[in-house]
C-alpha atoms as a PDB file:
ATOM      1  CA  MET A   1     139.801 117.910  60.265  1.00  0.00           C
ATOM      2  CA  LYS A   2     140.097 116.235  63.655  1.00  0.00           C
ATOM      3  CA  ILE A   3     138.957 117.999  66.820  1.00  0.00           C
ATOM      4  CA  ILE A   4     141.196 117.197  69.787  1.00  0.00           C
ATOM      5  CA  GLY A   5     140.296 117.988  73.381  1.00  0.00           C
ATOM      6  CA  LEU A   6     143.079 119.041  75.754  1.00  0.00           C
ATOM      7  CA  THR A   7     142.170 118.890  79.421  1.00  0.00           C
ATOM      8  CA  GLY A   8     143.573 118.494  82.912  1.00  0.00           C
ATOM      9  CA  GLY A   9     142.957 119.662  86.431  1.00  0.00           C
ATOM     10  CA  ILE A  10     143.833 123.142  87.600  1.00  0.00           C
ATOM     11  CA  GLY A  11     147.620 123.510  87.797  1.00  0.00           C
ATOM     12  CA  SER A  12     148.337 120.413  85.680  1.00  0.00           C
ATOM     13  CA  GLY A  13     149.997 122.513  82.967  1.00  0.00           C
ATOM     14  CA  LYS A  14     147.388 122.481  80.173  1.00  0.00           C
ATOM     15  CA  THR A  15     148.469 125.936  79.011  1.00  0.00           C
ATOM     16  CA  THR A  16     152.133 124.886  78.863  1.00  0.00           C
ATOM     17  CA  VAL A  17     151.184 121.836  76.784  1.00  0.00           C
ATOM     18  CA  ALA A  18     148.930 123.974  74.557  1.00  0.00           C
ATOM     19  CA  LYS A  19     151.868 126.336  73.945  1.00  0.00           C
ATOM     20  CA  LEU A  20     154.029 123.374  72.883  1.00  0.00           C
ATOM     21  CA  PHE A  21     151.379 122.287  70.356  1.00  0.00           C
ATOM     22  CA  LYS A  22     151.155 125.895  69.062  1.00  0.00           C
ATOM     23  CA  GLU A  23     154.934 125.855  68.522  1.00  0.00           C
ATOM     24  CA  LEU A  24     154.354 122.830  66.268  1.00  0.00           C
ATOM     25  CA  GLY A  25     151.870 124.893  64.218  1.00  0.00           C
ATOM     26  CA  VAL A  26     148.663 123.467  65.699  1.00  0.00           C
ATOM     27  CA  PRO A  27     145.804 125.965  66.212  1.00  0.00           C
ATOM     28  CA  VAL A  28     144.694 125.950  69.865  1.00  0.00           C
ATOM     29  CA  TYR A  29     141.424 127.390  71.173  1.00  0.00           C
ATOM     30  CA  ASN A  30     141.652 128.316  74.860  1.00  0.00           C
ATOM     31  CA  SER A  31     138.121 127.877  76.244  1.00  0.00           C
ATOM     32  CA  ASP A  32     138.789 129.744  79.509  1.00  0.00           C
ATOM     33  CA  LEU A  33     140.219 132.825  77.787  1.00  0.00           C
ATOM     34  CA  ARG A  34     137.445 132.855  75.182  1.00  0.00           C
ATOM     35  CA  ALA A  35     134.807 132.441  77.927  1.00  0.00           C
ATOM     36  CA  LYS A  36     136.209 135.483  79.770  1.00  0.00           C
ATOM     37  CA  LYS A  37     136.238 137.474  76.535  1.00  0.00           C
ATOM     38  CA  LEU A  38     132.628 136.511  75.794  1.00  0.00           C
ATOM     39  CA  MET A  39     131.606 137.334  79.362  1.00  0.00           C
ATOM     40  CA  ASN A  40     133.176 140.774  78.975  1.00  0.00           C
ATOM     41  CA  ASN A  41     131.880 141.550  75.465  1.00  0.00           C
ATOM     42  CA  SER A  42     128.448 139.924  75.170  1.00  0.00           C
ATOM     43  CA  LYS A  43     125.616 142.059  76.564  1.00  0.00           C
ATOM     44  CA  GLY A  44     123.373 138.975  76.801  1.00  0.00           C
ATOM     45  CA  ILE A  45     125.901 137.013  78.857  1.00  0.00           C
ATOM     46  CA  ARG A  46     126.704 140.047  81.017  1.00  0.00           C
ATOM     47  CA  THR A  47     122.992 140.554  81.837  1.00  0.00           C
ATOM     48  CA  ALA A  48     122.514 136.857  82.643  1.00  0.00           C
ATOM     49  CA  VAL A  49     125.624 136.790  84.888  1.00  0.00           C
ATOM     50  CA  ILE A  50     124.491 139.919  86.768  1.00  0.00           C
ATOM     51  CA  ASP A  51     120.997 138.448  87.170  1.00  0.00           C
ATOM     52  CA  LEU A  52     122.553 135.279  88.600  1.00  0.00           C
ATOM     53  CA  LEU A  53     125.385 136.648  90.768  1.00  0.00           C
ATOM     54  CA  GLY A  54     124.658 140.356  91.280  1.00  0.00           C
ATOM     55  CA  LYS A  55     125.998 143.656  89.946  1.00  0.00           C
ATOM     56  CA  ASP A  56     129.405 143.132  91.649  1.00  0.00           C
ATOM     57  CA  SER A  57     130.122 140.501  88.960  1.00  0.00           C
ATOM     58  CA  TYR A  58     131.484 143.410  86.897  1.00  0.00           C
ATOM     59  CA  GLU A  59     133.724 146.293  87.952  1.00  0.00           C
ATOM     60  CA  LEU A  60     134.069 149.219  85.569  1.00  0.00           C
ATOM     61  CA  GLU A  61     132.502 147.153  82.757  1.00  0.00           C
ATOM     62  CA  ARG A  62     135.062 144.339  83.258  1.00  0.00           C
ATOM     63  CA  LEU A  63     134.511 140.867  84.676  1.00  0.00           C
ATOM     64  CA  ASN A  64     135.228 140.703  88.419  1.00  0.00           C
ATOM     65  CA  LYS A  65     136.883 137.266  88.384  1.00  0.00           C
ATOM     66  CA  LYS A  66     137.689 137.179  92.114  1.00  0.00           C
ATOM     67  CA  TYR A  67     134.099 138.000  93.102  1.00  0.00           C
ATOM     68  CA  ILE A  68     132.683 135.390  90.717  1.00  0.00           C
ATOM     69  CA  ALA A  69     135.187 132.719  91.815  1.00  0.00           C
ATOM     70  CA  ASP A  70     134.382 133.366  95.490  1.00  0.00           C
ATOM     71  CA  LYS A  71     130.657 132.956  94.740  1.00  0.00           C
ATOM     72  CA  VAL A  72     130.657 129.888  92.486  1.00  0.00           C
ATOM     73  CA  PHE A  73     133.529 127.682  93.632  1.00  0.00           C
ATOM     74  CA  SER A  74     131.910 127.212  97.036  1.00  0.00           C
ATOM     75  CA  ASN A  75     128.424 126.661  95.581  1.00  0.00           C
ATOM     76  CA  LYS A  76     128.021 123.829  93.044  1.00  0.00           C
ATOM     77  CA  GLU A  77     124.490 124.895  92.091  1.00  0.00           C
ATOM     78  CA  LEU A  78     125.579 128.465  91.264  1.00  0.00           C
ATOM     79  CA  LEU A  79     128.564 127.101  89.330  1.00  0.00           C
ATOM     80  CA  GLN A  80     126.262 124.883  87.239  1.00  0.00           C
ATOM     81  CA  LYS A  81     123.960 127.826  86.522  1.00  0.00           C
ATOM     82  CA  LEU A  82     126.913 130.007  85.480  1.00  0.00           C
ATOM     83  CA  ASN A  83     128.225 127.201  83.253  1.00  0.00           C
ATOM     84  CA  SER A  84     124.798 126.875  81.603  1.00  0.00           C
ATOM     85  CA  ILE A  85     125.045 130.562  80.628  1.00  0.00           C
ATOM     86  CA  VAL A  86     128.653 130.525  79.410  1.00  0.00           C
ATOM     87  CA  HIS A  87     129.221 127.057  77.903  1.00  0.00           C
ATOM     88  CA  PRO A  88     126.677 127.258  75.049  1.00  0.00           C
ATOM     89  CA  ALA A  89     128.219 130.585  73.965  1.00  0.00           C
ATOM     90  CA  VAL A  90     131.716 129.066  74.049  1.00  0.00           C
ATOM     91  CA  ARG A  91     130.515 126.070  71.975  1.00  0.00           C
ATOM     92  CA  LYS A  92     129.128 128.404  69.289  1.00  0.00           C
ATOM     93  CA  ASP A  93     132.289 130.515  69.336  1.00  0.00           C
ATOM     94  CA  PHE A  94     134.463 127.395  68.990  1.00  0.00           C
ATOM     95  CA  SER A  95     132.409 126.155  66.016  1.00  0.00           C
ATOM     96  CA  ARG A  96     132.902 129.488  64.223  1.00  0.00           C
ATOM     97  CA  TRP A  97     136.631 129.406  65.050  1.00  0.00           C
ATOM     98  CA  VAL A  98     137.067 125.837  63.688  1.00  0.00           C
ATOM     99  CA  LYS A  99     135.433 126.738  60.356  1.00  0.00           C
ATOM    100  CA  LYS A 100     138.237 129.250  59.711  1.00  0.00           C
ATOM    101  CA  LYS A 101     141.038 126.707  60.218  1.00  0.00           C
ATOM    102  CA  LYS A 102     142.715 124.716  57.439  1.00  0.00           C
ATOM    103  CA  THR A 103     144.819 122.153  59.321  1.00  0.00           C
ATOM    104  CA  LEU A 104     144.770 118.400  59.883  1.00  0.00           C
ATOM    105  CA  TYR A 105     143.676 118.906  63.475  1.00  0.00           C
ATOM    106  CA  VAL A 106     142.871 121.610  65.993  1.00  0.00           C
ATOM    107  CA  ILE A 107     142.917 121.554  69.776  1.00  0.00           C
ATOM    108  CA  GLN A 108     140.346 122.895  72.184  1.00  0.00           C
ATOM    109  CA  GLU A 109     141.845 123.468  75.620  1.00  0.00           C
ATOM    110  CA  ALA A 110     139.124 123.079  78.273  1.00  0.00           C
ATOM    111  CA  ALA A 111     139.549 122.515  82.003  1.00  0.00           C
ATOM    112  CA  ILE A 112     136.191 120.824  82.573  1.00  0.00           C
ATOM    113  CA  LEU A 113     135.776 118.856  79.379  1.00  0.00           C
ATOM    114  CA  PHE A 114     134.671 115.724  81.270  1.00  0.00           C
ATOM    115  CA  GLU A 115     132.717 117.465  84.004  1.00  0.00           C
ATOM    116  CA  ASN A 116     130.386 119.178  81.511  1.00  0.00           C
ATOM    117  CA  ASN A 117     129.962 116.010  79.371  1.00  0.00           C
ATOM    118  CA  ALA A 118     131.631 117.640  76.344  1.00  0.00           C
ATOM    119  CA  TYR A 119     134.148 114.821  75.848  1.00  0.00           C
ATOM    120  CA  SER A 120     131.951 113.009  73.328  1.00  0.00           C
ATOM    121  CA  ASN A 121     132.368 115.988  70.938  1.00  0.00           C
ATOM    122  CA  PHE A 122     136.058 115.199  70.346  1.00  0.00           C
ATOM    123  CA  ASP A 123     137.864 112.775  68.062  1.00  0.00           C
ATOM    124  CA  LYS A 124     140.633 112.282  70.637  1.00  0.00           C
ATOM    125  CA  ILE A 125     141.329 113.570  74.135  1.00  0.00           C
ATOM    126  CA  ILE A 126     144.678 114.482  75.669  1.00  0.00           C
ATOM    127  CA  LEU A 127     144.801 114.543  79.466  1.00  0.00           C
ATOM    128  CA  VAL A 128     147.552 116.543  81.178  1.00  0.00           C
ATOM    129  CA  LYS A 129     148.261 115.436  84.709  1.00  0.00           C
ATOM    130  CA  ALA A 130     150.633 116.132  87.574  1.00  0.00           C
ATOM    131  CA  PRO A 131     150.696 115.183  91.271  1.00  0.00           C
ATOM    132  CA  LYS A 132     148.334 117.216  93.481  1.00  0.00           C
ATOM    133  CA  GLU A 133     151.207 118.744  95.525  1.00  0.00           C
ATOM    134  CA  VAL A 134     152.914 119.955  92.330  1.00  0.00           C
ATOM    135  CA  ARG A 135     149.636 121.407  91.059  1.00  0.00           C
ATOM    136  CA  LEU A 136     149.034 123.207  94.383  1.00  0.00           C
ATOM    137  CA  GLU A 137     152.550 124.728  94.311  1.00  0.00           C
ATOM    138  CA  ARG A 138     152.059 125.914  90.718  1.00  0.00           C
ATOM    139  CA  ILE A 139     148.693 127.546  91.420  1.00  0.00           C
ATOM    140  CA  ILE A 140     149.828 129.231  94.627  1.00  0.00           C
ATOM    141  CA  ALA A 141     152.833 130.663  92.724  1.00  0.00           C
ATOM    142  CA  ARG A 142     150.690 131.688  89.730  1.00  0.00           C
ATOM    143  CA  ASP A 143     147.525 133.040  91.362  1.00  0.00           C
ATOM    144  CA  ASN A 144     148.729 133.988  94.828  1.00  0.00           C
ATOM    145  CA  GLY A 145     145.587 132.278  96.157  1.00  0.00           C
ATOM    146  CA  SER A 146     145.131 130.497  99.452  1.00  0.00           C
ATOM    147  CA  LYS A 147     145.427 126.728  99.703  1.00  0.00           C
ATOM    148  CA  GLU A 148     141.742 126.558 100.775  1.00  0.00           C
ATOM    149  CA  GLU A 149     140.542 128.506  97.689  1.00  0.00           C
ATOM    150  CA  ILE A 150     142.566 126.288  95.377  1.00  0.00           C
ATOM    151  CA  LEU A 151     141.352 123.067  97.025  1.00  0.00           C
ATOM    152  CA  ALA A 152     137.755 124.314  96.659  1.00  0.00           C
ATOM    153  CA  ARG A 153     138.346 124.778  92.924  1.00  0.00           C
ATOM    154  CA  MET A 154     139.950 121.337  92.670  1.00  0.00           C
ATOM    155  CA  GLU A 155     136.859 119.839  94.357  1.00  0.00           C
ATOM    156  CA  ASN A 156     134.752 120.984  91.378  1.00  0.00           C
ATOM    157  CA  GLN A 157     136.913 118.980  88.977  1.00  0.00           C
ATOM    158  CA  TRP A 158     136.999 115.243  88.500  1.00  0.00           C
ATOM    159  CA  ASP A 159     139.926 113.308  89.897  1.00  0.00           C
ATOM    160  CA  ASP A 160     142.449 112.091  87.305  1.00  0.00           C
ATOM    161  CA  SER A 161     141.523 108.477  88.086  1.00  0.00           C
ATOM    162  CA  LYS A 162     138.095 109.153  86.534  1.00  0.00           C
ATOM    163  CA  LYS A 163     139.548 110.983  83.508  1.00  0.00           C
ATOM    164  CA  ILE A 164     142.277 108.490  82.556  1.00  0.00           C
ATOM    165  CA  PRO A 165     139.968 105.733  81.192  1.00  0.00           C
ATOM    166  CA  LEU A 166     138.188 108.327  78.996  1.00  0.00           C
ATOM    167  CA  SER A 167     141.411 109.821  77.577  1.00  0.00           C
ATOM    168  CA  ASP A 168     143.299 108.723  74.462  1.00  0.00           C
ATOM    169  CA  TYR A 169     146.648 110.270  75.432  1.00  0.00           C
ATOM    170  CA  ILE A 170     148.052 111.067  78.868  1.00  0.00           C
ATOM    171  CA  ILE A 171     150.840 113.576  79.403  1.00  0.00           C
ATOM    172  CA  GLU A 172     152.617 113.418  82.755  1.00  0.00           C
ATOM    173  CA  ASN A 173     153.674 117.057  83.106  1.00  0.00           C
ATOM    174  CA  ILE A 174     156.414 117.296  85.704  1.00  0.00           C
ATOM    175  CA  ASP A 175     159.600 117.738  83.674  1.00  0.00           C
ATOM    176  CA  LEU A 176     159.329 120.170  80.731  1.00  0.00           C
ATOM    177  CA  ASP A 177     161.811 118.300  78.497  1.00  0.00           C
ATOM    178  CA  LYS A 178     159.889 115.044  78.946  1.00  0.00           C
ATOM    179  CA  THR A 179     156.604 116.880  78.357  1.00  0.00           C
ATOM    180  CA  LYS A 180     157.969 118.275  75.064  1.00  0.00           C
ATOM    181  CA  LEU A 181     158.889 114.760  73.916  1.00  0.00           C
ATOM    182  CA  GLN A 182     155.397 113.478  74.785  1.00  0.00           C
ATOM    183  CA  VAL A 183     153.787 116.375  72.864  1.00  0.00           C
ATOM    184  CA  GLU A 184     155.952 115.713  69.794  1.00  0.00           C
ATOM    185  CA  GLN A 185     155.097 111.994  69.900  1.00  0.00           C
ATOM    186  CA  ILE A 186     151.346 112.679  70.173  1.00  0.00           C
ATOM    187  CA  HIS A 187     151.587 115.288  67.395  1.00  0.00           C
ATOM    188  CA  ARG A 188     153.193 112.719  65.060  1.00  0.00           C
ATOM    189  CA  GLN A 189     150.481 110.152  65.871  1.00  0.00           C
ATOM    190  CA  LEU A 190     147.677 112.674  65.339  1.00  0.00           C
ATOM    191  CA  ILE A 191     149.076 113.757  61.978  1.00  0.00           C
ATOM    192  CA  LYS A 192     149.392 110.125  60.907  1.00  0.00           C
ATOM    193  CA  THR A 193     145.782 109.316  61.816  1.00  0.00           C
ATOM    194  CA  ALA A 194     144.386 112.595  60.471  1.00  0.00           C
ATOM    195  CA  VAL A 195     145.783 112.115  56.941  1.00  0.00           C
END
């Protein structure tokens, strides 16, 4: 079974592309969602996060995402420390998840696949990209955040120009119909090479 990485900057449309692969019957592991679930449900992670960021990291036993984002996206050192708590747990969780799958390939959706040096763990990498202005519009509409907050989060991610040479497939995600065609084409190629 091939392990495919799906990545792209915030607002590029990774989740939309992941949904299109799911519609084609491909199992997709969403690293961000699983990380949040692990952060909510694992006592060990919860304790480590509170030790790092303070008791306000959780409200009524649930992850306080806004508080954590405000703390870490303006402080690279804190972000790295948080990632060193969460990423190993996500890797283990992903390995368990993969073992239960019986398909030619699976996809792991991860925003910072390059930034955390995980790209060497994949057979192929799909990069989803879109112009910065489009990404900003999407995130403002989705998260209701300020432009400054979003730009701070973008600063913690590599620029597409660094990701492109390390990617096997690039999806330009501006027009949904064209994106669907690109996904179908990549799916056919992956099936061909996985057999």
